[in-house]
C-alpha cells in the first residue's frame, strides 16, 4: 500500500487561517503561534504539495489558483473534523445526537412540522437533520434514521411505511391567465417542469389519461421538488408535485391545479434504520414518536 499524503492538522489550520486573513501575522495571532511558525508550516505544506499556495503582489499576500482550490478542500476537512469532534462529546453522556437523513423538500415540508414537541418530550436527544440527495448509507452509520421515498428496501435496513401520496399538476394563476388549460391535451402544450428524482412522472401522468405527450421528458429540470415548486410559482411552467408538499400554496391560491387529475405514486414514504439499531433507545423513541404523530394526523388530532 502506498504511503498516504497526510499533512498535519496544524499545517492545515495555519494555511486556512492565513488564507482567510491573507496575513501570516493575523493567522499567528489567532492560532497563538509565532509568525515564523505559521510561515514554516505553510512552507512545508507547499513543499509536500509541490505547488505554491500563496504569492506576494505589491507586498500583499494573495492565494495562487492552486491555493484557492486547496482552500475549498481544506475547509471541508476542518469542518468535518469539528463536526465529528463535537458529536463525540455527546457519546455516552446524558445527551445523545440522533442523525436524521432526509430528502430536502420532504424534510422542510413534512418532517419539520411533525417534530413539534419532540424536544420537550425527549430533551436529551438532540436532532442533527441533514439533507441528502444521494442514497442513504445506514450500514456505514452515516445516519441513524433515514426518510426516503421508494419501494421500501435499503441494504441492511428495517424500513417502515409511513404513507402513500398522489401527485397533481400545479402552476401559477398568472400562467393560466396567459395560457388557458382545459384538459391534459392543452397542458401537454405548456412548459413541463421536471424533477430529477422522478424522471418518469410526466410520462406516467399522461399515460394514465391515455395520452402520449411529445414533451413529457422535456423542460427545465430541477434537483428537488422545492425548486420545482418555486419555479411553478414564478410562472416558469407546470410542475407535477405530491399534493401534500403544495397544500399550503394551494390553500393560499399561490398555485392552482390546471387539470384535476390526481395520480397515485408508485412508491411510498418510509422511515428506516439499521437492522441492528431497532432497540437503540434514541432510535426506538424517534420511530415511535413519528408513527404516533402519523396516527394522530390521520385521526384528525394533529
Protein backbone atom coordinates (compact mmCIF):
# COMPACT_ATOMS: atom_id res chain seq x y z
CA UNK A 1 0.00 0.00 0.00
CA UNK A 2 1.41 3.39 -0.99
CA UNK A 3 2.15 5.92 1.71
CA UNK A 4 -0.64 8.44 2.23
CA UNK A 5 -0.02 12.11 1.57
CA UNK A 6 -1.06 13.30 5.01
CA UNK A 7 -0.25 16.87 6.09
CA UNK A 8 -0.63 17.64 9.77
CA UNK A 9 -3.79 19.24 11.11
CA UNK A 10 -1.64 22.12 12.38
CA UNK A 11 -0.37 22.79 8.86
CA UNK A 12 -3.94 22.81 7.50
CA UNK A 13 -5.08 25.18 10.25
CA UNK A 14 -2.17 27.53 9.57
CA UNK A 15 -2.90 27.53 5.86
CA UNK A 16 -6.64 28.10 6.35
CA UNK A 17 -6.13 30.97 8.80
CA UNK A 18 -3.50 32.62 6.61
CA UNK A 19 -5.74 32.25 3.55
CA UNK A 20 -8.74 33.69 5.39
CA UNK A 21 -6.84 36.70 6.72
CA UNK A 22 -4.35 36.92 3.83
CA UNK A 23 -1.83 37.57 6.56
CA UNK A 24 0.63 35.31 8.36
CA UNK A 25 0.73 37.78 11.24
CA UNK A 26 -3.02 37.72 11.86
CA UNK A 27 -3.11 33.95 11.41
CA UNK A 28 -0.38 33.60 14.04
CA UNK A 29 -2.31 35.82 16.46
CA UNK A 30 -5.47 33.76 16.00
CA UNK A 31 -3.70 30.43 16.46
CA UNK A 32 -1.46 31.68 19.29
CA UNK A 33 1.69 30.85 17.34
CA UNK A 34 4.61 32.92 16.13
CA UNK A 35 4.58 34.31 12.60
CA UNK A 36 7.64 32.24 11.73
CA UNK A 37 5.90 29.07 12.93
CA UNK A 38 2.90 29.74 10.65
CA UNK A 39 5.20 30.54 7.72
CA UNK A 40 7.17 27.34 8.32
CA UNK A 41 4.01 25.20 8.41
CA UNK A 42 2.76 26.71 5.16
CA UNK A 43 6.18 26.31 3.51
CA UNK A 44 6.27 22.62 4.47
CA UNK A 45 2.77 22.20 3.09
CA UNK A 46 3.78 23.81 -0.20
CA UNK A 47 6.81 21.54 -0.41
CA UNK A 48 4.63 18.46 0.18
CA UNK A 49 2.08 19.54 -2.46
CA UNK A 50 4.71 20.72 -4.97
CA UNK A 51 2.70 23.92 -5.51
CA UNK A 52 2.92 27.46 -4.21
CA UNK A 53 -0.23 28.28 -2.25
CA UNK A 54 0.50 31.99 -1.80
CA UNK A 55 2.20 34.74 -3.76
CA UNK A 56 3.08 38.32 -2.85
CA UNK A 57 1.90 41.08 -5.16
CA UNK A 58 2.86 44.64 -4.19
CA UNK A 59 3.74 43.41 -0.70
CA UNK A 60 0.27 41.92 -0.21
CA UNK A 61 -0.43 38.22 0.24
CA UNK A 62 -2.65 36.52 -2.36
CA UNK A 63 -3.75 32.95 -2.93
CA UNK A 64 -2.50 31.28 -6.07
CA UNK A 65 -5.07 29.38 -8.19
CA UNK A 66 -3.78 26.16 -6.61
CA UNK A 67 -4.09 27.75 -3.17
CA UNK A 68 -7.70 28.79 -3.78
CA UNK A 69 -8.58 25.28 -4.93
CA UNK A 70 -6.84 23.70 -1.96
CA UNK A 71 -8.56 26.09 0.47
CA UNK A 72 -12.00 24.82 -0.53
CA UNK A 73 -10.88 21.25 0.19
CA UNK A 74 -9.20 22.14 3.47
CA UNK A 75 -12.35 23.93 4.66
CA UNK A 76 -14.33 20.72 4.12
CA UNK A 77 -11.76 18.72 6.10
CA UNK A 78 -11.62 21.12 9.05
CA UNK A 79 -15.41 21.43 9.15
CA UNK A 80 -15.82 17.65 9.24
CA UNK A 81 -13.21 17.32 11.99
CA UNK A 82 -15.09 19.93 14.03
CA UNK A 83 -18.46 18.22 13.48
CA UNK A 84 -17.07 14.79 14.36
CA UNK A 85 -15.35 16.09 17.48
CA UNK A 86 -18.49 17.85 18.70
CA UNK A 87 -20.52 14.72 18.02
CA UNK A 88 -18.22 12.51 20.08
CA UNK A 89 -18.52 14.93 23.01
CA UNK A 90 -22.08 13.63 23.46
CA UNK A 91 -21.13 9.93 23.22
CA UNK A 92 -22.00 8.04 26.36
CA UNK A 93 -23.24 11.15 28.12
CA UNK A 94 -26.71 12.15 29.24
CA UNK A 95 -27.37 13.81 25.90
CA UNK A 96 -27.31 11.95 22.60
CA UNK A 97 -27.25 13.11 19.00
CA UNK A 98 -29.65 11.42 16.58
CA UNK A 99 -28.56 11.86 12.97
CA UNK A 100 -31.52 12.04 10.61
CA UNK A 101 -31.16 11.98 6.81
CA UNK A 102 -33.99 13.25 4.64
CA UNK A 103 -34.61 14.48 1.13
CA UNK A 104 -34.72 18.30 1.16
CA UNK A 105 -38.35 19.11 0.31
CA UNK A 106 -39.73 16.24 2.40
CA UNK A 107 -37.67 17.46 5.35
CA UNK A 108 -38.82 21.06 5.06
CA UNK A 109 -42.48 20.44 4.18
CA UNK A 110 -43.35 17.29 6.13
CA UNK A 111 -40.73 16.28 8.68
CA UNK A 112 -40.07 19.59 10.40
CA UNK A 113 -43.78 20.37 11.01
CA UNK A 114 -44.12 16.89 12.56
CA UNK A 115 -41.29 17.47 15.03
CA UNK A 116 -43.36 19.78 17.22
CA UNK A 117 -42.89 18.99 20.91
CA UNK A 118 -40.27 16.28 20.28
CA UNK A 119 -37.62 18.25 22.14
CA UNK A 120 -39.95 18.75 25.09
CA UNK A 121 -40.64 15.03 25.37
CA UNK A 122 -37.06 13.92 24.70
CA UNK A 123 -34.82 16.79 25.89
CA UNK A 124 -31.73 14.56 25.92
CA UNK A 125 -32.00 13.61 22.26
CA UNK A 126 -30.52 16.29 20.02
CA UNK A 127 -31.57 16.02 16.39
CA UNK A 128 -29.00 16.52 13.65
CA UNK A 129 -31.11 16.72 10.47
CA UNK A 130 -29.33 16.75 7.13
CA UNK A 131 -30.49 16.95 3.55
CA UNK A 132 -29.40 14.04 1.41
CA UNK A 133 -29.95 13.59 -2.31
CA UNK A 134 -27.68 10.57 -2.60
CA UNK A 135 -28.71 7.06 -1.45
CA UNK A 136 -28.64 6.73 2.32
CA UNK A 137 -25.96 4.56 3.93
CA UNK A 138 -27.29 3.24 7.22
CA UNK A 139 -24.83 0.34 7.32
CA UNK A 140 -21.85 2.71 7.44
CA UNK A 141 -23.60 4.77 10.14
CA UNK A 142 -23.74 7.99 8.16
CA UNK A 143 -27.21 8.38 9.66
CA UNK A 144 -29.20 6.75 12.46
CA UNK A 145 -32.55 7.39 10.78
CA UNK A 146 -33.40 7.91 7.12
CA UNK A 147 -36.61 9.08 5.47
CA UNK A 148 -36.94 8.08 1.84
CA UNK A 149 -39.40 7.55 -0.99
CA UNK A 150 -39.43 4.30 -2.91
CA UNK A 151 -40.36 0.64 -2.67
CA UNK A 152 -39.27 0.12 0.93
CA UNK A 153 -35.89 -1.53 0.54
CA UNK A 154 -32.50 -0.32 1.74
CA UNK A 155 -29.48 -2.64 2.22
CA UNK A 156 -29.21 -3.78 5.84
CA UNK A 157 -32.11 -1.61 6.97
CA UNK A 158 -35.51 -2.01 8.56
CA UNK A 159 -37.97 0.07 6.56
CA UNK A 160 -41.37 1.09 7.94
CA UNK A 161 -44.01 2.50 5.60
CA UNK A 162 -45.39 5.90 6.57
CA UNK A 163 -47.83 6.90 3.84
CA UNK A 164 -48.57 6.89 0.13
CA UNK A 165 -49.02 10.05 -1.93
CA UNK A 166 -50.68 11.37 -5.05
CA UNK A 167 -49.24 13.88 -7.47
CA UNK A 168 -51.09 16.78 -9.08
CA UNK A 169 -50.07 19.33 -11.73
CA UNK A 170 -49.70 22.86 -10.35
CA UNK A 171 -48.92 26.25 -11.83
CA UNK A 172 -49.16 29.94 -11.06
CA UNK A 173 -52.55 31.64 -11.57
CA UNK A 174 -50.88 34.12 -13.93
CA UNK A 175 -49.74 31.30 -16.21
CA UNK A 176 -53.29 30.03 -16.63
CA UNK A 177 -54.48 33.53 -17.43
CA UNK A 178 -51.91 33.75 -20.23
CA UNK A 179 -52.36 30.20 -21.46
CA UNK A 180 -55.80 28.73 -20.65
CA UNK A 181 -55.80 24.99 -20.00
CA UNK A 182 -58.96 22.87 -20.04
CA UNK A 183 -57.62 19.33 -20.30
CA UNK A 184 -54.49 17.20 -20.42
CA UNK A 185 -54.05 17.80 -24.14
CA UNK A 186 -53.88 21.55 -23.51
CA UNK A 187 -51.47 21.00 -20.65
CA UNK A 188 -49.14 18.98 -22.88
CA UNK A 189 -48.53 22.16 -24.88
CA UNK A 190 -47.24 24.02 -21.83
CA UNK A 191 -43.73 24.02 -20.37
CA UNK A 192 -43.39 20.96 -18.14
CA UNK A 193 -41.09 21.38 -15.15
CA UNK A 194 -39.08 18.23 -14.46
CA UNK A 195 -37.90 16.89 -11.08
CA UNK A 196 -34.66 14.92 -11.40
CA UNK A 197 -35.74 12.36 -8.78
CA UNK A 198 -38.92 11.49 -10.70
CA UNK A 199 -37.90 11.49 -14.40
CA UNK A 200 -40.87 9.33 -15.47
CA UNK A 201 -43.53 11.34 -13.62
CA UNK A 202 -44.97 13.37 -16.51
CA UNK A 203 -44.87 10.44 -18.91
CA UNK A 204 -46.82 8.28 -16.44
CA UNK A 205 -49.30 11.08 -15.72
CA UNK A 206 -50.19 11.49 -19.40
CA UNK A 207 -50.35 7.70 -19.89
CA UNK A 208 -52.86 7.46 -17.04
CA UNK A 209 -55.16 9.51 -19.28
CA UNK A 210 -54.37 7.51 -22.42
CA UNK A 211 -52.23 10.32 -23.81
CA UNK A 212 -48.65 10.40 -25.08
CA UNK A 213 -47.14 13.85 -24.83
CA UNK A 214 -44.20 14.56 -27.10
CA UNK A 215 -42.56 16.73 -24.43
CA UNK A 216 -43.21 14.65 -21.29
CA UNK A 217 -39.44 14.31 -20.75
CA UNK A 218 -38.58 17.86 -21.81
CA UNK A 219 -38.49 21.11 -19.87
CA UNK A 220 -36.37 22.78 -17.19
CA UNK A 221 -35.02 20.15 -14.78
CA UNK A 222 -34.54 20.70 -11.04
CA UNK A 223 -32.86 18.62 -8.34
CA UNK A 224 -35.63 18.95 -5.76
CA UNK A 225 -39.39 19.34 -5.53
CA UNK A 226 -38.84 22.58 -3.63
CA UNK A 227 -37.11 24.09 -6.65
CA UNK A 228 -39.93 22.83 -8.89
CA UNK A 229 -42.49 24.45 -6.60
CA UNK A 230 -40.65 27.77 -6.66
CA UNK A 231 -40.31 27.60 -10.45
CA UNK A 232 -44.04 26.94 -10.79
CA UNK A 233 -44.81 29.91 -8.52
CA UNK A 234 -42.55 32.08 -10.68
CA UNK A 235 -44.59 31.16 -13.75
CA UNK A 236 -41.86 29.07 -15.39
CA UNK A 237 -44.26 26.26 -16.26
CA UNK A 238 -46.34 23.45 -14.78
CA UNK A 239 -44.91 21.14 -12.10
CA UNK A 240 -46.11 17.68 -11.11
CA UNK A 241 -45.87 17.66 -7.31
CA UNK A 242 -47.09 15.42 -4.47
CA UNK A 243 -50.21 17.15 -3.17
CA UNK A 244 -49.08 17.19 0.46
CA UNK A 245 -46.00 19.24 -0.50
CA UNK A 246 -48.07 22.07 -2.01
CA UNK A 247 -51.07 22.04 0.32
CA UNK A 248 -50.12 25.45 1.71
CA UNK A 249 -49.68 27.09 -1.71
CA UNK A 250 -52.95 25.60 -2.98
CA UNK A 251 -54.93 26.77 0.04
CA UNK A 252 -53.49 30.29 -0.29
CA UNK A 253 -54.12 30.46 -4.04
CA UNK A 254 -50.44 30.86 -4.87
CA UNK A 255 -50.69 27.77 -7.05
CA UNK A 256 -53.62 26.26 -8.94
CA UNK A 257 -54.36 22.82 -10.33
CA UNK A 258 -54.99 23.35 -14.06
CA UNK A 259 -56.24 19.79 -14.71
CA UNK A 260 -57.73 17.99 -11.72
CA UNK A 261 -56.38 14.52 -12.34
CA UNK A 262 -54.52 13.29 -9.24
CA UNK A 263 -52.36 10.24 -9.82
CA UNK A 264 -51.24 7.85 -7.06
CA UNK A 265 -47.46 7.49 -7.00
CA UNK A 266 -45.97 4.04 -7.47
CA UNK A 267 -43.92 4.22 -4.27
CA UNK A 268 -44.44 5.27 -0.67
CA UNK A 269 -42.60 7.21 2.03
CA UNK A 270 -40.64 5.19 4.58
CA UNK A 271 -38.66 5.69 7.75
CA UNK A 272 -35.64 3.40 8.07
CA UNK A 273 -32.88 2.46 10.49
CA UNK A 274 -30.10 -0.11 10.50
CA UNK A 275 -31.38 -3.59 11.33
CA UNK A 276 -29.18 -3.85 14.41
CA UNK A 277 -30.37 -0.47 15.75
CA UNK A 278 -34.02 -1.39 16.40
CA UNK A 279 -33.58 -1.42 20.19
CA UNK A 280 -31.23 1.55 20.46
CA UNK A 281 -33.20 3.85 22.79
CA UNK A 282 -32.84 7.06 20.78
CA UNK A 283 -33.75 5.31 17.52
CA UNK A 284 -36.68 3.47 19.04
CA UNK A 285 -38.00 6.65 20.68
CA UNK A 286 -37.86 8.64 17.46
CA UNK A 287 -39.53 5.97 15.31
CA UNK A 288 -42.33 5.52 17.84
CA UNK A 289 -42.76 9.29 18.03
CA UNK A 290 -43.09 9.69 14.26
CA UNK A 291 -45.52 6.77 13.94
CA UNK A 292 -47.66 8.20 16.76
CA UNK A 293 -47.74 11.58 15.01
CA UNK A 294 -48.94 9.97 11.79
CA UNK A 295 -51.70 8.07 13.61
CA UNK A 296 -52.79 11.30 15.32
CA UNK A 297 -52.75 13.14 11.97
CA UNK A 298 -54.95 10.51 10.34
CA UNK A 299 -57.42 10.69 13.22
CA UNK A 300 -57.53 14.47 12.96
CA UNK A 301 -55.87 15.12 16.31
CA UNK A 302 -52.85 16.97 14.87
